[in-house]
Amino acid sequence: MSENLNEQLDKDLSTCRWFSIQCDESVDSSSTAQLMVFIRMVFADFSTKEELLTLIPLRTTTRGVDIYNAIKTFFVEKKVPLEKLVSVTTDGAPGMVGWCTGNGRMLTQTFHLSYTTTVSSTSRRYARK
């Protein structure tokens, strides 16, 4: 069953026109940092599909460069068509948004993205009211 899901995701990635990713780092019950990467794909008919792309354990630190390297390695290994990547959304954690070495900043520079978004816990709190 998981092989079928991977095949479907590969097919969707090859047929989508554009995609964006959302990255969120969290610590699980065994004190291991986990990086969740979600993907939202847009197809030729402007339909969209959102999936959990991967869950990557971060075994050392959660600095921006570590998160960036984990994402980049995953994309290279899975042959993700990076020319279709148009946007990255992260939370407000320093490792995600740091001015020089934040993951979002490094992804923007590497893949020449023109659009990144940061969703902070403060903005989420105000959005719920």
C-alpha atoms as a PDB file:
ATOM      1  CA  MET A   1       0.000   0.000   0.000  1.00  0.00           C
ATOM      2  CA  SER A   2       2.779   2.481   0.845  1.00  0.00           C
ATOM      3  CA  GLU A   3       4.433   1.728  -2.502  1.00  0.00           C
ATOM      4  CA  ASN A   4       1.201   2.697  -4.249  1.00  0.00           C
ATOM      5  CA  LEU A   5       1.089   5.977  -2.304  1.00  0.00           C
ATOM      6  CA  ASN A   6       4.683   6.752  -3.291  1.00  0.00           C
ATOM      7  CA  GLU A   7       3.906   5.998  -6.939  1.00  0.00           C
ATOM      8  CA  GLN A   8       0.844   8.258  -6.824  1.00  0.00           C
ATOM      9  CA  LEU A   9       2.849  11.084  -5.255  1.00  0.00           C
ATOM     10  CA  ASP A  10       5.591  10.680  -7.896  1.00  0.00           C
ATOM     11  CA  LYS A  11       2.928  10.812 -10.622  1.00  0.00           C
ATOM     12  CA  ASP A  12       1.325  13.900  -9.086  1.00  0.00           C
ATOM     13  CA  LEU A  13       4.708  15.633  -8.832  1.00  0.00           C
ATOM     14  CA  SER A  14       5.468  14.922 -12.468  1.00  0.00           C
ATOM     15  CA  THR A  15       2.073  16.149 -13.709  1.00  0.00           C
ATOM     16  CA  CYS A  16       1.568  19.198 -11.485  1.00  0.00           C
ATOM     17  CA  ARG A  17       2.343  22.641 -12.877  1.00  0.00           C
ATOM     18  CA  TRP A  18       3.633  24.131  -9.617  1.00  0.00           C
ATOM     19  CA  PHE A  19       4.003  23.188  -5.992  1.00  0.00           C
ATOM     20  CA  SER A  20       4.776  24.797  -2.680  1.00  0.00           C
ATOM     21  CA  ILE A  21       6.031  23.274   0.545  1.00  0.00           C
ATOM     22  CA  GLN A  22       5.334  23.929   4.185  1.00  0.00           C
ATOM     23  CA  CYS A  23       7.975  22.960   6.764  1.00  0.00           C
ATOM     24  CA  ASP A  24       7.400  22.494  10.467  1.00  0.00           C
ATOM     25  CA  GLU A  25       9.872  21.157  13.012  1.00  0.00           C
ATOM     26  CA  SER A  26       8.655  19.505  16.199  1.00  0.00           C
ATOM     27  CA  VAL A  27      10.018  17.225  18.920  1.00  0.00           C
ATOM     28  CA  ASP A  28       8.384  13.832  19.420  1.00  0.00           C
ATOM     29  CA  SER A  29       7.896  11.906  22.682  1.00  0.00           C
ATOM     30  CA  SER A  30      11.352  10.317  22.399  1.00  0.00           C
ATOM     31  CA  SER A  31      12.990  13.793  22.241  1.00  0.00           C
ATOM     32  CA  THR A  32      13.870  13.433  18.552  1.00  0.00           C
ATOM     33  CA  ALA A  33      13.346  16.482  16.398  1.00  0.00           C
ATOM     34  CA  GLN A  34      11.122  15.684  13.405  1.00  0.00           C
ATOM     35  CA  LEU A  35      10.778  17.814  10.295  1.00  0.00           C
ATOM     36  CA  MET A  36       7.384  17.551   8.620  1.00  0.00           C
ATOM     37  CA  VAL A  37       7.245  18.681   5.003  1.00  0.00           C
ATOM     38  CA  PHE A  38       3.831  19.130   3.416  1.00  0.00           C
ATOM     39  CA  ILE A  39       3.323  19.757  -0.278  1.00  0.00           C
ATOM     40  CA  ARG A  40       0.528  21.568  -2.096  1.00  0.00           C
ATOM     41  CA  MET A  41       0.391  20.907  -5.827  1.00  0.00           C
ATOM     42  CA  VAL A  42      -1.493  22.865  -8.493  1.00  0.00           C
ATOM     43  CA  PHE A  43      -2.444  21.076 -11.705  1.00  0.00           C
ATOM     44  CA  ALA A  44      -3.151  22.345 -15.227  1.00  0.00           C
ATOM     45  CA  ASP A  45      -6.895  22.610 -14.522  1.00  0.00           C
ATOM     46  CA  PHE A  46      -6.062  24.633 -11.360  1.00  0.00           C
ATOM     47  CA  SER A  47      -7.195  21.838  -9.074  1.00  0.00           C
ATOM     48  CA  THR A  48      -5.029  21.412  -5.992  1.00  0.00           C
ATOM     49  CA  LYS A  49      -3.881  18.544  -3.839  1.00  0.00           C
ATOM     50  CA  GLU A  50      -2.142  18.665  -0.474  1.00  0.00           C
ATOM     51  CA  GLU A  51      -0.164  15.770   1.022  1.00  0.00           C
ATOM     52  CA  LEU A  52       2.391  15.012   3.698  1.00  0.00           C
ATOM     53  CA  LEU A  53       5.518  14.780   1.578  1.00  0.00           C
ATOM     54  CA  THR A  54       7.889  13.408   4.201  1.00  0.00           C
ATOM     55  CA  LEU A  55       8.794  13.202   7.865  1.00  0.00           C
ATOM     56  CA  ILE A  56      12.536  13.582   8.397  1.00  0.00           C
ATOM     57  CA  PRO A  57      14.186  12.907  11.772  1.00  0.00           C
ATOM     58  CA  LEU A  58      16.781  15.562  12.635  1.00  0.00           C
ATOM     59  CA  ARG A  59      19.296  13.593  14.649  1.00  0.00           C
ATOM     60  CA  THR A  60      21.761  16.349  15.530  1.00  0.00           C
ATOM     61  CA  THR A  61      20.656  19.974  15.800  1.00  0.00           C
ATOM     62  CA  THR A  62      17.766  21.985  14.392  1.00  0.00           C
ATOM     63  CA  ARG A  63      19.718  24.930  13.033  1.00  0.00           C
ATOM     64  CA  GLY A  64      18.595  26.410   9.738  1.00  0.00           C
ATOM     65  CA  VAL A  65      21.465  24.781   7.864  1.00  0.00           C
ATOM     66  CA  ASP A  66      20.546  21.332   9.254  1.00  0.00           C
ATOM     67  CA  ILE A  67      16.927  21.723   8.173  1.00  0.00           C
ATOM     68  CA  TYR A  68      17.978  23.046   4.768  1.00  0.00           C
ATOM     69  CA  ASN A  69      20.386  20.133   4.219  1.00  0.00           C
ATOM     70  CA  ALA A  70      17.733  17.583   5.225  1.00  0.00           C
ATOM     71  CA  ILE A  71      15.219  19.039   2.769  1.00  0.00           C
ATOM     72  CA  LYS A  72      17.756  19.392  -0.035  1.00  0.00           C
ATOM     73  CA  THR A  73      18.995  15.810   0.446  1.00  0.00           C
ATOM     74  CA  PHE A  74      15.429  14.474   0.364  1.00  0.00           C
ATOM     75  CA  PHE A  75      14.628  16.435  -2.817  1.00  0.00           C
ATOM     76  CA  VAL A  76      17.772  15.179  -4.570  1.00  0.00           C
ATOM     77  CA  GLU A  77      17.237  11.539  -3.526  1.00  0.00           C
ATOM     78  CA  LYS A  78      13.570  11.542  -4.596  1.00  0.00           C
ATOM     79  CA  LYS A  79      14.284  13.532  -7.787  1.00  0.00           C
ATOM     80  CA  VAL A  80      11.688  16.156  -6.928  1.00  0.00           C
ATOM     81  CA  PRO A  81      11.301  18.571  -9.899  1.00  0.00           C
ATOM     82  CA  LEU A  82      12.555  21.699  -8.154  1.00  0.00           C
ATOM     83  CA  GLU A  83      11.869  23.930 -11.155  1.00  0.00           C
ATOM     84  CA  LYS A  84       8.178  23.645 -10.150  1.00  0.00           C
ATOM     85  CA  LEU A  85       8.775  24.859  -6.567  1.00  0.00           C
ATOM     86  CA  VAL A  86       7.271  28.333  -6.213  1.00  0.00           C
ATOM     87  CA  SER A  87       6.869  28.940  -2.480  1.00  0.00           C
ATOM     88  CA  VAL A  88       8.045  27.874   0.970  1.00  0.00           C
ATOM     89  CA  THR A  89       6.051  28.420   4.161  1.00  0.00           C
ATOM     90  CA  THR A  90       7.610  27.995   7.596  1.00  0.00           C
ATOM     91  CA  ASP A  91       6.735  28.676  11.206  1.00  0.00           C
ATOM     92  CA  GLY A  92       8.406  31.500  13.092  1.00  0.00           C
ATOM     93  CA  ALA A  93      11.195  29.409  14.653  1.00  0.00           C
ATOM     94  CA  PRO A  94      14.690  30.945  14.395  1.00  0.00           C
ATOM     95  CA  GLY A  95      16.033  27.930  12.488  1.00  0.00           C
ATOM     96  CA  MET A  96      13.345  28.448   9.892  1.00  0.00           C
ATOM     97  CA  VAL A  97      13.415  32.216   9.418  1.00  0.00           C
ATOM     98  CA  GLY A  98      16.864  33.440  10.492  1.00  0.00           C
ATOM     99  CA  TRP A  99      18.050  36.309   8.295  1.00  0.00           C
ATOM    100  CA  CYS A 100      21.351  34.724   7.225  1.00  0.00           C
ATOM    101  CA  THR A 101      21.104  31.010   7.955  1.00  0.00           C
ATOM    102  CA  GLY A 102      17.389  30.290   8.286  1.00  0.00           C
ATOM    103  CA  ASN A 103      16.029  27.406   6.247  1.00  0.00           C
ATOM    104  CA  GLY A 104      13.540  29.602   4.375  1.00  0.00           C
ATOM    105  CA  ARG A 105      16.238  32.108   3.445  1.00  0.00           C
ATOM    106  CA  MET A 106      18.605  29.400   2.170  1.00  0.00           C
ATOM    107  CA  LEU A 107      15.856  27.682   0.156  1.00  0.00           C
ATOM    108  CA  THR A 108      14.862  31.029  -1.343  1.00  0.00           C
ATOM    109  CA  GLN A 109      18.426  31.762  -2.417  1.00  0.00           C
ATOM    110  CA  THR A 110      19.194  28.251  -3.689  1.00  0.00           C
ATOM    111  CA  PHE A 111      16.029  27.750  -5.717  1.00  0.00           C
ATOM    112  CA  HIS A 112      15.527  31.425  -6.685  1.00  0.00           C
ATOM    113  CA  LEU A 113      12.102  31.626  -5.093  1.00  0.00           C
ATOM    114  CA  SER A 114      10.293  34.910  -5.154  1.00  0.00           C
ATOM    115  CA  TYR A 115       7.821  34.070  -2.414  1.00  0.00           C
ATOM    116  CA  THR A 116       8.193  32.780   1.135  1.00  0.00           C
ATOM    117  CA  THR A 117       5.739  32.991   4.013  1.00  0.00           C
ATOM    118  CA  THR A 118       6.222  32.786   7.745  1.00  0.00           C
ATOM    119  CA  VAL A 119       3.337  31.768   9.947  1.00  0.00           C
ATOM    120  CA  SER A 120       4.086  32.631  13.547  1.00  0.00           C
ATOM    121  CA  SER A 121       2.219  31.449  16.605  1.00  0.00           C
ATOM    122  CA  THR A 122       1.263  35.075  17.280  1.00  0.00           C
ATOM    123  CA  SER A 123      -0.453  35.492  13.922  1.00  0.00           C
ATOM    124  CA  ARG A 124      -2.229  32.152  14.345  1.00  0.00           C
ATOM    125  CA  ARG A 125      -3.487  33.243  17.768  1.00  0.00           C
ATOM    126  CA  TYR A 126      -4.901  36.477  16.379  1.00  0.00           C
ATOM    127  CA  ALA A 127      -6.396  34.710  13.360  1.00  0.00           C
ATOM    128  CA  ARG A 128      -8.499  32.462  15.609  1.00  0.00           C
ATOM    129  CA  LYS A 129     -10.269  35.333  17.392  1.00  0.00           C
END
